[in-house]
Amino acid sequence: MKIFSLIMIPLLNLFTNGTTPKTTDPCDCSTEISAAKPGRPFSCDTRKCTVERGKITYFFEFKARGNNKYDVDIKAVSKGAANLVMSSVLTVTDKQSASGEVEVKILQSINEGYRWIPSGSSYVKGIYNTRSGTMSFEASGAMANFSDSRHGYTPTQLVQQLTPPKYDVGYVIKATVAYMILQYPNSMPLSS
């Protein structure tokens, strides 16, 4: 346990920026997610959310840009090395008045050396229907080529585990990022 603390605590500190999100920010992971039913594919504390996929631990955080847009950073720890594996843009589209749906779209982003370039046509989208309380996910463009279902869930189980117990836009955002990490990990290659 002592070795774990000596290694993991400094690595975990790499993923915090010293600020605590506001309780109204969709990035405030301290809401219902931690109290969600056991077996959720992700967990959150007040600073970041965590997804375990095989031997890799992913961390993700958000920063509001305004107009329902957020910057999202996804980091991975594998074999003791921490890497930024994606820095992209996430958008939230509220269609509740028309269809009862809220859409969260995360653009695939490619590392071009010193900067990340988001793709407008390659993304993962989470759709929560506020009328039925159901959630679905879809990939578009090149993102669909990165699918890898070796995460330990059947497709139905994964959607059930990620569907929020009640509507919360922050939860829908986190569930969509977790889905992307679990279902499309090859879109976020680790540095070699």
N, C-alpha and C. Protein backbone atom coordinates (compact mmCIF):
# COMPACT_ATOMS: atom_id res chain seq x y z
N MET A 1 0.83 -1.19 0.00
CA MET A 1 0.00 0.00 0.00
C MET A 1 0.87 1.25 0.00
N LYS A 2 2.00 1.18 0.74
CA LYS A 2 2.88 2.34 0.82
C LYS A 2 3.47 2.66 -0.55
N ILE A 3 3.85 1.63 -1.31
CA ILE A 3 4.41 1.85 -2.65
C ILE A 3 3.35 2.47 -3.55
N PHE A 4 2.12 1.96 -3.47
CA PHE A 4 1.03 2.52 -4.26
C PHE A 4 0.88 4.01 -3.97
N SER A 5 0.88 4.38 -2.70
CA SER A 5 0.73 5.79 -2.32
C SER A 5 1.87 6.63 -2.84
N LEU A 6 3.07 6.10 -2.79
CA LEU A 6 4.24 6.86 -3.24
C LEU A 6 4.21 7.10 -4.75
N ILE A 7 3.64 6.17 -5.49
CA ILE A 7 3.60 6.30 -6.94
C ILE A 7 2.34 7.01 -7.42
N MET A 8 1.18 6.56 -6.96
CA MET A 8 -0.09 7.05 -7.51
C MET A 8 -0.46 8.46 -7.05
N ILE A 9 -0.17 8.83 -5.81
CA ILE A 9 -0.57 10.16 -5.36
C ILE A 9 0.11 11.25 -6.17
N PRO A 10 1.43 11.18 -6.42
CA PRO A 10 2.02 12.21 -7.29
C PRO A 10 1.43 12.19 -8.70
N LEU A 11 1.12 10.99 -9.24
CA LEU A 11 0.52 10.92 -10.57
C LEU A 11 -0.87 11.53 -10.58
N LEU A 12 -1.65 11.26 -9.55
CA LEU A 12 -2.98 11.83 -9.48
C LEU A 12 -2.92 13.35 -9.36
N ASN A 13 -1.92 13.86 -8.69
CA ASN A 13 -1.77 15.31 -8.56
C ASN A 13 -1.50 15.98 -9.89
N LEU A 14 -0.98 15.22 -10.86
CA LEU A 14 -0.76 15.78 -12.20
C LEU A 14 -2.07 16.19 -12.85
N PHE A 15 -3.18 15.58 -12.42
CA PHE A 15 -4.45 15.77 -13.09
C PHE A 15 -5.35 16.80 -12.42
N THR A 16 -4.83 17.52 -11.48
CA THR A 16 -5.64 18.55 -10.84
C THR A 16 -5.00 19.90 -11.10
N ASN A 17 -5.80 20.91 -11.19
CA ASN A 17 -5.26 22.24 -11.45
C ASN A 17 -5.40 23.14 -10.23
N GLY A 18 -5.71 22.55 -9.08
CA GLY A 18 -5.78 23.32 -7.85
C GLY A 18 -7.09 24.05 -7.65
N THR A 19 -8.05 23.89 -8.55
CA THR A 19 -9.33 24.56 -8.38
C THR A 19 -10.43 23.53 -8.21
N THR A 20 -11.44 23.90 -7.50
CA THR A 20 -12.59 23.03 -7.31
C THR A 20 -13.74 23.58 -8.14
N PRO A 21 -14.38 22.72 -8.95
CA PRO A 21 -15.49 23.20 -9.77
C PRO A 21 -16.64 23.71 -8.91
N LYS A 22 -17.41 24.65 -9.45
CA LYS A 22 -18.61 25.15 -8.78
C LYS A 22 -19.67 24.07 -8.81
N THR A 23 -20.57 24.08 -7.84
CA THR A 23 -21.57 23.04 -7.77
C THR A 23 -22.54 23.08 -8.94
N THR A 24 -22.67 24.20 -9.64
CA THR A 24 -23.57 24.27 -10.78
C THR A 24 -22.87 23.90 -12.08
N ASP A 25 -21.56 23.71 -12.05
CA ASP A 25 -20.79 23.39 -13.24
C ASP A 25 -21.00 21.92 -13.60
N PRO A 26 -21.25 21.59 -14.87
CA PRO A 26 -21.42 20.19 -15.25
C PRO A 26 -20.21 19.34 -14.90
N CYS A 27 -19.13 19.95 -14.60
CA CYS A 27 -17.91 19.25 -14.26
C CYS A 27 -17.86 18.90 -12.78
N ASP A 28 -18.82 19.32 -12.00
CA ASP A 28 -18.82 19.02 -10.57
C ASP A 28 -19.20 17.57 -10.39
N CYS A 29 -18.20 16.74 -10.26
CA CYS A 29 -18.42 15.30 -10.20
C CYS A 29 -18.87 14.82 -8.84
N SER A 30 -19.05 15.70 -7.88
CA SER A 30 -19.40 15.26 -6.54
C SER A 30 -20.88 15.01 -6.38
N THR A 31 -21.68 15.23 -7.42
CA THR A 31 -23.11 15.01 -7.31
C THR A 31 -23.42 13.53 -7.25
N GLU A 32 -24.43 13.08 -7.89
CA GLU A 32 -24.94 11.72 -7.74
C GLU A 32 -24.02 10.61 -8.23
N ILE A 33 -23.04 10.89 -9.02
CA ILE A 33 -22.28 9.81 -9.64
C ILE A 33 -21.59 8.95 -8.60
N SER A 34 -20.99 9.56 -7.59
CA SER A 34 -20.31 8.78 -6.57
C SER A 34 -21.28 7.89 -5.82
N ALA A 35 -22.52 8.32 -5.68
CA ALA A 35 -23.52 7.55 -4.96
C ALA A 35 -24.31 6.63 -5.88
N ALA A 36 -23.94 6.58 -7.14
CA ALA A 36 -24.68 5.76 -8.10
C ALA A 36 -24.54 4.28 -7.76
N LYS A 37 -25.37 3.48 -8.39
CA LYS A 37 -25.36 2.06 -8.07
C LYS A 37 -24.00 1.46 -8.35
N PRO A 38 -23.62 0.43 -7.56
CA PRO A 38 -22.31 -0.20 -7.73
C PRO A 38 -22.15 -0.73 -9.15
N GLY A 39 -20.90 -0.78 -9.61
CA GLY A 39 -20.63 -1.31 -10.92
C GLY A 39 -20.64 -0.27 -12.03
N ARG A 40 -20.84 1.00 -11.70
CA ARG A 40 -20.79 2.04 -12.72
C ARG A 40 -19.42 2.00 -13.37
N PRO A 41 -19.37 2.22 -14.67
CA PRO A 41 -18.09 2.19 -15.37
C PRO A 41 -17.18 3.38 -15.06
N PHE A 42 -17.67 4.36 -14.33
CA PHE A 42 -16.84 5.51 -14.00
C PHE A 42 -17.18 6.00 -12.61
N SER A 43 -16.25 6.74 -12.02
CA SER A 43 -16.48 7.35 -10.72
C SER A 43 -15.90 8.75 -10.75
N CYS A 44 -16.40 9.59 -9.88
CA CYS A 44 -15.94 10.98 -9.86
C CYS A 44 -15.74 11.44 -8.43
N ASP A 45 -14.83 12.39 -8.27
CA ASP A 45 -14.71 13.12 -7.03
C ASP A 45 -14.90 14.60 -7.38
N THR A 46 -14.52 15.48 -6.51
CA THR A 46 -14.80 16.90 -6.76
C THR A 46 -13.92 17.51 -7.85
N ARG A 47 -12.89 16.83 -8.30
CA ARG A 47 -11.99 17.42 -9.29
C ARG A 47 -11.96 16.70 -10.63
N LYS A 48 -12.14 15.41 -10.63
CA LYS A 48 -11.99 14.66 -11.88
C LYS A 48 -12.82 13.39 -11.85
N CYS A 49 -13.01 12.82 -13.02
CA CYS A 49 -13.70 11.54 -13.15
C CYS A 49 -12.68 10.50 -13.62
N THR A 50 -12.92 9.26 -13.23
CA THR A 50 -12.01 8.17 -13.51
C THR A 50 -12.74 7.03 -14.21
N VAL A 51 -12.09 6.45 -15.21
CA VAL A 51 -12.61 5.26 -15.90
C VAL A 51 -11.47 4.25 -15.93
N GLU A 52 -11.76 3.02 -15.50
CA GLU A 52 -10.79 1.93 -15.58
C GLU A 52 -11.12 1.10 -16.82
N ARG A 53 -10.12 0.91 -17.67
CA ARG A 53 -10.31 0.04 -18.85
C ARG A 53 -9.08 -0.85 -18.95
N GLY A 54 -9.25 -2.10 -18.54
CA GLY A 54 -8.11 -3.01 -18.52
C GLY A 54 -7.07 -2.52 -17.53
N LYS A 55 -5.84 -2.42 -17.97
CA LYS A 55 -4.74 -1.97 -17.10
C LYS A 55 -4.49 -0.48 -17.21
N ILE A 56 -5.38 0.23 -17.87
CA ILE A 56 -5.22 1.68 -18.06
C ILE A 56 -6.28 2.41 -17.27
N THR A 57 -5.85 3.43 -16.55
CA THR A 57 -6.76 4.30 -15.82
C THR A 57 -6.83 5.63 -16.55
N TYR A 58 -8.04 6.04 -16.90
CA TYR A 58 -8.27 7.31 -17.59
C TYR A 58 -8.87 8.31 -16.60
N PHE A 59 -8.46 9.57 -16.73
CA PHE A 59 -9.00 10.67 -15.94
C PHE A 59 -9.51 11.72 -16.92
N PHE A 60 -10.65 12.32 -16.62
CA PHE A 60 -11.10 13.41 -17.48
C PHE A 60 -11.66 14.56 -16.67
N GLU A 61 -11.47 15.77 -17.22
CA GLU A 61 -11.90 17.02 -16.60
C GLU A 61 -12.45 17.94 -17.68
N PHE A 62 -13.28 18.91 -17.25
CA PHE A 62 -13.89 19.87 -18.17
C PHE A 62 -13.61 21.29 -17.73
N LYS A 63 -13.63 22.19 -18.70
CA LYS A 63 -13.61 23.63 -18.44
C LYS A 63 -14.65 24.27 -19.35
N ALA A 64 -15.52 25.07 -18.78
CA ALA A 64 -16.56 25.72 -19.56
C ALA A 64 -15.95 26.77 -20.47
N ARG A 65 -16.43 26.80 -21.73
CA ARG A 65 -16.02 27.83 -22.69
C ARG A 65 -17.13 28.83 -22.92
N GLY A 66 -18.36 28.49 -22.53
CA GLY A 66 -19.53 29.32 -22.79
C GLY A 66 -20.32 28.75 -23.95
N ASN A 67 -21.58 29.20 -24.08
CA ASN A 67 -22.47 28.74 -25.16
C ASN A 67 -22.56 27.22 -25.25
N ASN A 68 -22.65 26.56 -24.09
CA ASN A 68 -22.78 25.10 -24.03
C ASN A 68 -21.61 24.36 -24.67
N LYS A 69 -20.43 24.95 -24.63
CA LYS A 69 -19.21 24.30 -25.11
C LYS A 69 -18.24 24.17 -23.94
N TYR A 70 -17.50 23.07 -23.97
CA TYR A 70 -16.54 22.78 -22.91
C TYR A 70 -15.26 22.25 -23.52
N ASP A 71 -14.13 22.57 -22.89
CA ASP A 71 -12.86 21.92 -23.22
C ASP A 71 -12.81 20.67 -22.36
N VAL A 72 -12.41 19.56 -22.94
CA VAL A 72 -12.29 18.32 -22.18
C VAL A 72 -10.88 17.75 -22.41
N ASP A 73 -10.24 17.40 -21.31
CA ASP A 73 -8.93 16.77 -21.36
C ASP A 73 -9.06 15.36 -20.80
N ILE A 74 -8.50 14.40 -21.52
CA ILE A 74 -8.50 13.00 -21.08
C ILE A 74 -7.05 12.57 -20.95
N LYS A 75 -6.73 12.09 -19.77
CA LYS A 75 -5.37 11.63 -19.48
C LYS A 75 -5.43 10.16 -19.14
N ALA A 76 -4.33 9.45 -19.40
CA ALA A 76 -4.26 8.02 -19.12
C ALA A 76 -2.99 7.71 -18.35
N VAL A 77 -3.11 6.77 -17.42
CA VAL A 77 -1.95 6.26 -16.69
C VAL A 77 -1.82 4.79 -17.04
N SER A 78 -0.69 4.45 -17.63
CA SER A 78 -0.41 3.06 -18.00
C SER A 78 1.06 2.78 -17.75
N LYS A 79 1.34 1.67 -17.07
CA LYS A 79 2.72 1.27 -16.77
C LYS A 79 3.48 2.39 -16.07
N GLY A 80 2.79 3.12 -15.20
CA GLY A 80 3.42 4.17 -14.42
C GLY A 80 3.64 5.48 -15.15
N ALA A 81 3.25 5.55 -16.42
CA ALA A 81 3.44 6.79 -17.19
C ALA A 81 2.09 7.47 -17.40
N ALA A 82 2.07 8.78 -17.21
CA ALA A 82 0.86 9.57 -17.42
C ALA A 82 0.96 10.29 -18.76
N ASN A 83 -0.13 10.25 -19.54
CA ASN A 83 -0.15 10.88 -20.86
C ASN A 83 -1.45 11.62 -21.08
N LEU A 84 -1.37 12.78 -21.71
CA LEU A 84 -2.57 13.44 -22.21
C LEU A 84 -2.90 12.72 -23.52
N VAL A 85 -4.05 12.03 -23.57
CA VAL A 85 -4.38 11.24 -24.75
C VAL A 85 -5.42 11.92 -25.63
N MET A 86 -6.10 12.94 -25.11
CA MET A 86 -7.01 13.72 -25.95
C MET A 86 -7.33 15.04 -25.26
N SER A 87 -7.32 16.08 -26.06
CA SER A 87 -7.76 17.40 -25.62
C SER A 87 -8.70 17.90 -26.71
N SER A 88 -9.97 18.04 -26.37
CA SER A 88 -10.94 18.31 -27.41
C SER A 88 -12.03 19.25 -26.94
N VAL A 89 -13.08 19.31 -27.74
CA VAL A 89 -14.23 20.17 -27.49
C VAL A 89 -15.47 19.30 -27.34
N LEU A 90 -16.28 19.66 -26.39
CA LEU A 90 -17.53 18.96 -26.13
C LEU A 90 -18.65 19.98 -26.22
N THR A 91 -19.75 19.63 -26.88
CA THR A 91 -20.89 20.54 -26.98
C THR A 91 -22.14 19.86 -26.44
N VAL A 92 -23.02 20.68 -25.88
CA VAL A 92 -24.31 20.20 -25.37
C VAL A 92 -25.40 20.92 -26.15
N THR A 93 -26.31 20.14 -26.75
CA THR A 93 -27.43 20.70 -27.50
C THR A 93 -28.72 20.27 -26.82
N ASP A 94 -29.48 21.26 -26.37
CA ASP A 94 -30.74 21.00 -25.66
C ASP A 94 -31.90 21.05 -26.66
N LYS A 95 -32.48 19.88 -26.91
CA LYS A 95 -33.64 19.77 -27.82
C LYS A 95 -34.88 19.32 -27.06
N GLN A 96 -34.92 19.63 -25.76
CA GLN A 96 -36.01 19.15 -24.93
C GLN A 96 -37.38 19.63 -25.39
N SER A 97 -37.47 20.87 -25.84
CA SER A 97 -38.78 21.39 -26.23
C SER A 97 -39.29 20.72 -27.51
N ALA A 98 -38.41 20.32 -28.40
CA ALA A 98 -38.83 19.70 -29.66
C ALA A 98 -38.97 18.18 -29.54
N SER A 99 -37.91 17.52 -29.08
CA SER A 99 -37.90 16.05 -29.07
C SER A 99 -37.73 15.45 -27.69
N GLY A 100 -37.47 16.28 -26.69
CA GLY A 100 -37.23 15.76 -25.35
C GLY A 100 -35.81 15.26 -25.16
N GLU A 101 -34.93 15.58 -26.11
CA GLU A 101 -33.57 15.05 -26.05
C GLU A 101 -32.54 16.12 -25.70
N VAL A 102 -31.47 15.64 -25.07
CA VAL A 102 -30.28 16.44 -24.83
C VAL A 102 -29.13 15.67 -25.45
N GLU A 103 -28.39 16.32 -26.34
CA GLU A 103 -27.27 15.67 -27.03
C GLU A 103 -25.94 16.22 -26.53
N VAL A 104 -25.02 15.31 -26.28
CA VAL A 104 -23.66 15.67 -25.90
C VAL A 104 -22.74 15.09 -26.97
N LYS A 105 -21.96 15.96 -27.60
CA LYS A 105 -21.08 15.53 -28.69
C LYS A 105 -19.63 15.84 -28.31
N ILE A 106 -18.77 14.82 -28.41
CA ILE A 106 -17.34 14.98 -28.16
C ILE A 106 -16.62 14.76 -29.47
N LEU A 107 -15.93 15.77 -29.92
CA LEU A 107 -15.21 15.68 -31.20
C LEU A 107 -13.92 14.89 -31.02
N GLN A 108 -13.61 14.04 -32.00
CA GLN A 108 -12.31 13.38 -32.01
C GLN A 108 -11.27 14.47 -32.22
N SER A 109 -10.14 14.32 -31.59
CA SER A 109 -9.09 15.32 -31.70
C SER A 109 -7.77 14.62 -31.99
N ILE A 110 -7.00 15.17 -32.90
CA ILE A 110 -5.72 14.59 -33.31
C ILE A 110 -4.58 15.46 -32.79
N ASN A 111 -3.59 14.80 -32.20
CA ASN A 111 -2.42 15.52 -31.69
C ASN A 111 -1.50 15.84 -32.87
N GLU A 112 -1.30 17.12 -33.11
CA GLU A 112 -0.42 17.59 -34.18
C GLU A 112 0.86 18.18 -33.59
N GLY A 113 1.49 17.42 -32.70
CA GLY A 113 2.73 17.87 -32.10
C GLY A 113 2.50 18.77 -30.90
N TYR A 114 2.36 20.05 -31.11
CA TYR A 114 2.21 20.99 -30.01
C TYR A 114 0.77 21.42 -29.77
N ARG A 115 -0.17 20.93 -30.60
CA ARG A 115 -1.57 21.30 -30.40
C ARG A 115 -2.49 20.17 -30.84
N TRP A 116 -3.73 20.25 -30.38
CA TRP A 116 -4.75 19.26 -30.70
C TRP A 116 -5.73 19.87 -31.69
N ILE A 117 -6.04 19.14 -32.75
CA ILE A 117 -6.94 19.62 -33.79
C ILE A 117 -8.25 18.81 -33.73
N PRO A 118 -9.36 19.43 -33.31
CA PRO A 118 -10.64 18.71 -33.28
C PRO A 118 -11.19 18.52 -34.69
N SER A 119 -11.84 17.39 -34.89
CA SER A 119 -12.48 17.08 -36.17
C SER A 119 -13.95 17.44 -36.08
N GLY A 120 -14.47 18.10 -37.09
CA GLY A 120 -15.88 18.45 -37.08
C GLY A 120 -16.79 17.31 -37.46
N SER A 121 -16.24 16.28 -38.12
CA SER A 121 -17.09 15.21 -38.63
C SER A 121 -16.90 13.87 -37.93
N SER A 122 -15.94 13.78 -37.03
CA SER A 122 -15.68 12.54 -36.31
C SER A 122 -15.92 12.78 -34.83
N TYR A 123 -16.90 12.06 -34.27
CA TYR A 123 -17.28 12.32 -32.88
C TYR A 123 -18.05 11.15 -32.30
N VAL A 124 -18.22 11.21 -30.97
CA VAL A 124 -19.13 10.33 -30.24
C VAL A 124 -20.23 11.22 -29.69
N LYS A 125 -21.47 10.74 -29.82
CA LYS A 125 -22.60 11.52 -29.34
C LYS A 125 -23.40 10.67 -28.35
N GLY A 126 -23.72 11.27 -27.20
CA GLY A 126 -24.62 10.67 -26.24
C GLY A 126 -25.94 11.41 -26.30
N ILE A 127 -27.03 10.66 -26.34
CA ILE A 127 -28.35 11.27 -26.44
C ILE A 127 -29.19 10.79 -25.27
N TYR A 128 -29.63 11.73 -24.44
CA TYR A 128 -30.50 11.39 -23.31
C TYR A 128 -31.90 11.89 -23.62
N ASN A 129 -32.89 11.00 -23.54
CA ASN A 129 -34.27 11.37 -23.78
C ASN A 129 -34.92 11.65 -22.43
N THR A 130 -35.23 12.91 -22.19
CA THR A 130 -35.79 13.31 -20.89
C THR A 130 -37.21 12.80 -20.70
N ARG A 131 -37.90 12.48 -21.78
CA ARG A 131 -39.27 11.98 -21.67
C ARG A 131 -39.32 10.51 -21.28
N SER A 132 -38.41 9.71 -21.81
CA SER A 132 -38.42 8.28 -21.53
C SER A 132 -37.37 7.87 -20.49
N GLY A 133 -36.41 8.77 -20.19
CA GLY A 133 -35.36 8.43 -19.24
C GLY A 133 -34.35 7.45 -19.81
N THR A 134 -34.23 7.40 -21.13
CA THR A 134 -33.30 6.47 -21.77
C THR A 134 -32.12 7.22 -22.38
N MET A 135 -31.06 6.47 -22.60
CA MET A 135 -29.86 7.06 -23.18
C MET A 135 -29.37 6.16 -24.31
N SER A 136 -28.80 6.77 -25.34
CA SER A 136 -28.20 6.02 -26.44
C SER A 136 -26.92 6.73 -26.85
N PHE A 137 -26.09 6.01 -27.58
CA PHE A 137 -24.81 6.55 -28.02
C PHE A 137 -24.61 6.20 -29.49
N GLU A 138 -23.86 7.05 -30.18
CA GLU A 138 -23.52 6.76 -31.58
C GLU A 138 -22.19 7.42 -31.90
N ALA A 139 -21.51 6.83 -32.88
CA ALA A 139 -20.24 7.38 -33.35
C ALA A 139 -20.42 7.76 -34.81
N SER A 140 -19.69 8.78 -35.22
CA SER A 140 -19.78 9.25 -36.59
C SER A 140 -18.38 9.47 -37.15
N GLY A 141 -18.28 9.35 -38.46
CA GLY A 141 -17.01 9.60 -39.14
C GLY A 141 -15.96 8.56 -38.77
N ALA A 142 -14.71 8.99 -38.72
CA ALA A 142 -13.60 8.08 -38.44
C ALA A 142 -13.69 7.46 -37.05
N MET A 143 -14.40 8.10 -36.13
CA MET A 143 -14.51 7.57 -34.77
C MET A 143 -15.07 6.16 -34.77
N ALA A 144 -15.99 5.88 -35.67
CA ALA A 144 -16.60 4.54 -35.73
C ALA A 144 -15.57 3.45 -35.99
N ASN A 145 -14.46 3.78 -36.63
CA ASN A 145 -13.41 2.80 -36.92
C ASN A 145 -12.60 2.42 -35.68
N PHE A 146 -12.74 3.16 -34.59
CA PHE A 146 -11.95 2.92 -33.39
C PHE A 146 -12.67 2.07 -32.36
N SER A 147 -13.82 1.52 -32.71
CA SER A 147 -14.62 0.75 -31.76
C SER A 147 -13.87 -0.48 -31.27
N ASP A 148 -13.94 -0.72 -29.96
CA ASP A 148 -13.32 -1.88 -29.33
C ASP A 148 -14.20 -2.26 -28.14
N SER A 149 -14.95 -3.33 -28.28
CA SER A 149 -15.92 -3.69 -27.25
C SER A 149 -15.35 -4.63 -26.19
N ARG A 150 -14.04 -4.73 -26.08
CA ARG A 150 -13.42 -5.59 -25.06
C ARG A 150 -13.29 -4.86 -23.73
N HIS A 151 -14.41 -4.37 -23.22
CA HIS A 151 -14.41 -3.63 -21.97
C HIS A 151 -15.14 -4.35 -20.85
N GLY A 152 -15.67 -5.53 -21.14
CA GLY A 152 -16.30 -6.33 -20.09
C GLY A 152 -17.81 -6.15 -19.95
N TYR A 153 -18.43 -5.35 -20.81
CA TYR A 153 -19.87 -5.14 -20.78
C TYR A 153 -20.47 -5.57 -22.12
N THR A 154 -21.69 -6.08 -22.08
CA THR A 154 -22.42 -6.25 -23.33
C THR A 154 -22.87 -4.86 -23.74
N PRO A 155 -23.23 -4.65 -25.02
CA PRO A 155 -23.70 -3.31 -25.42
C PRO A 155 -24.87 -2.81 -24.57
N THR A 156 -25.81 -3.70 -24.26
CA THR A 156 -26.97 -3.31 -23.45
C THR A 156 -26.55 -2.96 -22.03
N GLN A 157 -25.67 -3.77 -21.44
CA GLN A 157 -25.20 -3.50 -20.07
C GLN A 157 -24.49 -2.16 -19.99
N LEU A 158 -23.65 -1.87 -20.98
CA LEU A 158 -22.90 -0.62 -20.95
C LEU A 158 -23.85 0.58 -20.97
N VAL A 159 -24.83 0.55 -21.84
CA VAL A 159 -25.79 1.66 -21.91
C VAL A 159 -26.59 1.75 -20.60
N GLN A 160 -27.01 0.61 -20.06
CA GLN A 160 -27.76 0.63 -18.80
C GLN A 160 -26.92 1.20 -17.67
N GLN A 161 -25.65 0.80 -17.60
CA GLN A 161 -24.78 1.29 -16.52
C GLN A 161 -24.49 2.78 -16.64
N LEU A 162 -24.50 3.30 -17.86
CA LEU A 162 -24.19 4.71 -18.06
C LEU A 162 -25.42 5.62 -18.02
N THR A 163 -26.61 5.06 -18.12
CA THR A 163 -27.83 5.88 -18.11
C THR A 163 -28.04 6.47 -16.72
N PRO A 164 -28.22 7.79 -16.63
CA PRO A 164 -28.39 8.41 -15.31
C PRO A 164 -29.68 7.98 -14.64
N PRO A 165 -29.69 7.93 -13.30
CA PRO A 165 -30.90 7.57 -12.58
C PRO A 165 -32.00 8.61 -12.74
N LYS A 166 -31.62 9.84 -12.99
CA LYS A 166 -32.56 10.92 -13.31
C LYS A 166 -31.80 11.94 -14.15
N TYR A 167 -32.52 12.81 -14.84
CA TYR A 167 -31.85 13.76 -15.73
C TYR A 167 -30.97 14.73 -14.98
N ASP A 168 -29.73 14.80 -15.42
CA ASP A 168 -28.74 15.75 -14.91
C ASP A 168 -27.75 15.94 -16.05
N VAL A 169 -27.67 17.16 -16.59
CA VAL A 169 -26.82 17.38 -17.76
C VAL A 169 -25.35 17.04 -17.47
N GLY A 170 -24.88 17.32 -16.26
CA GLY A 170 -23.50 16.97 -15.92
C GLY A 170 -23.27 15.48 -15.97
N TYR A 171 -24.24 14.72 -15.50
CA TYR A 171 -24.14 13.27 -15.53
C TYR A 171 -24.13 12.77 -16.98
N VAL A 172 -24.97 13.33 -17.83
CA VAL A 172 -25.03 12.92 -19.24
C VAL A 172 -23.68 13.21 -19.91
N ILE A 173 -23.08 14.35 -19.60
CA ILE A 173 -21.76 14.68 -20.15
C ILE A 173 -20.74 13.62 -19.73
N LYS A 174 -20.68 13.32 -18.44
CA LYS A 174 -19.70 12.36 -17.93
C LYS A 174 -19.94 10.97 -18.49
N ALA A 175 -21.20 10.57 -18.60
CA ALA A 175 -21.52 9.25 -19.16
C ALA A 175 -21.07 9.16 -20.61
N THR A 176 -21.20 10.24 -21.36
CA THR A 176 -20.79 10.23 -22.77
C THR A 176 -19.27 10.13 -22.89
N VAL A 177 -18.55 10.86 -22.06
CA VAL A 177 -17.08 10.76 -22.10
C VAL A 177 -16.65 9.35 -21.68
N ALA A 178 -17.28 8.80 -20.64
CA ALA A 178 -16.94 7.44 -20.20
C ALA A 178 -17.22 6.43 -21.32
N TYR A 179 -18.33 6.60 -22.03
CA TYR A 179 -18.65 5.72 -23.15
C TYR A 179 -17.56 5.80 -24.22
N MET A 180 -17.13 7.00 -24.55
CA MET A 180 -16.08 7.16 -25.56
C MET A 180 -14.81 6.44 -25.13
N ILE A 181 -14.43 6.60 -23.87
CA ILE A 181 -13.21 5.95 -23.37
C ILE A 181 -13.35 4.43 -23.43
N LEU A 182 -14.49 3.92 -23.00
CA LEU A 182 -14.67 2.47 -22.97
C LEU A 182 -14.84 1.85 -24.35
N GLN A 183 -15.61 2.48 -25.22
CA GLN A 183 -15.94 1.89 -26.51
C GLN A 183 -14.97 2.28 -27.63
N TYR A 184 -14.31 3.43 -27.50
CA TYR A 184 -13.43 3.92 -28.58
C TYR A 184 -12.04 4.30 -28.04
N PRO A 185 -11.38 3.41 -27.29
CA PRO A 185 -10.09 3.77 -26.71
C PRO A 185 -8.99 3.96 -27.76
N ASN A 186 -9.13 3.34 -28.90
CA ASN A 186 -8.11 3.46 -29.94
C ASN A 186 -8.09 4.83 -30.58
N SER A 187 -9.10 5.66 -30.29
CA SER A 187 -9.09 7.04 -30.78
C SER A 187 -8.18 7.92 -29.92
N MET A 188 -7.67 7.33 -28.83
CA MET A 188 -6.82 8.06 -27.89
C MET A 188 -5.54 7.27 -27.65
N PRO A 189 -4.67 7.17 -28.64
CA PRO A 189 -3.48 6.34 -28.48
C PRO A 189 -2.52 6.88 -27.41
N LEU A 190 -1.94 5.95 -26.66
CA LEU A 190 -0.93 6.31 -25.69
C LEU A 190 0.37 6.59 -26.42
N SER A 191 1.17 7.51 -25.89
CA SER A 191 2.48 7.80 -26.50
C SER A 191 3.36 6.57 -26.38
N SER A 192 4.17 6.37 -27.40
CA SER A 192 5.04 5.19 -27.36
C SER A 192 6.40 5.52 -26.78
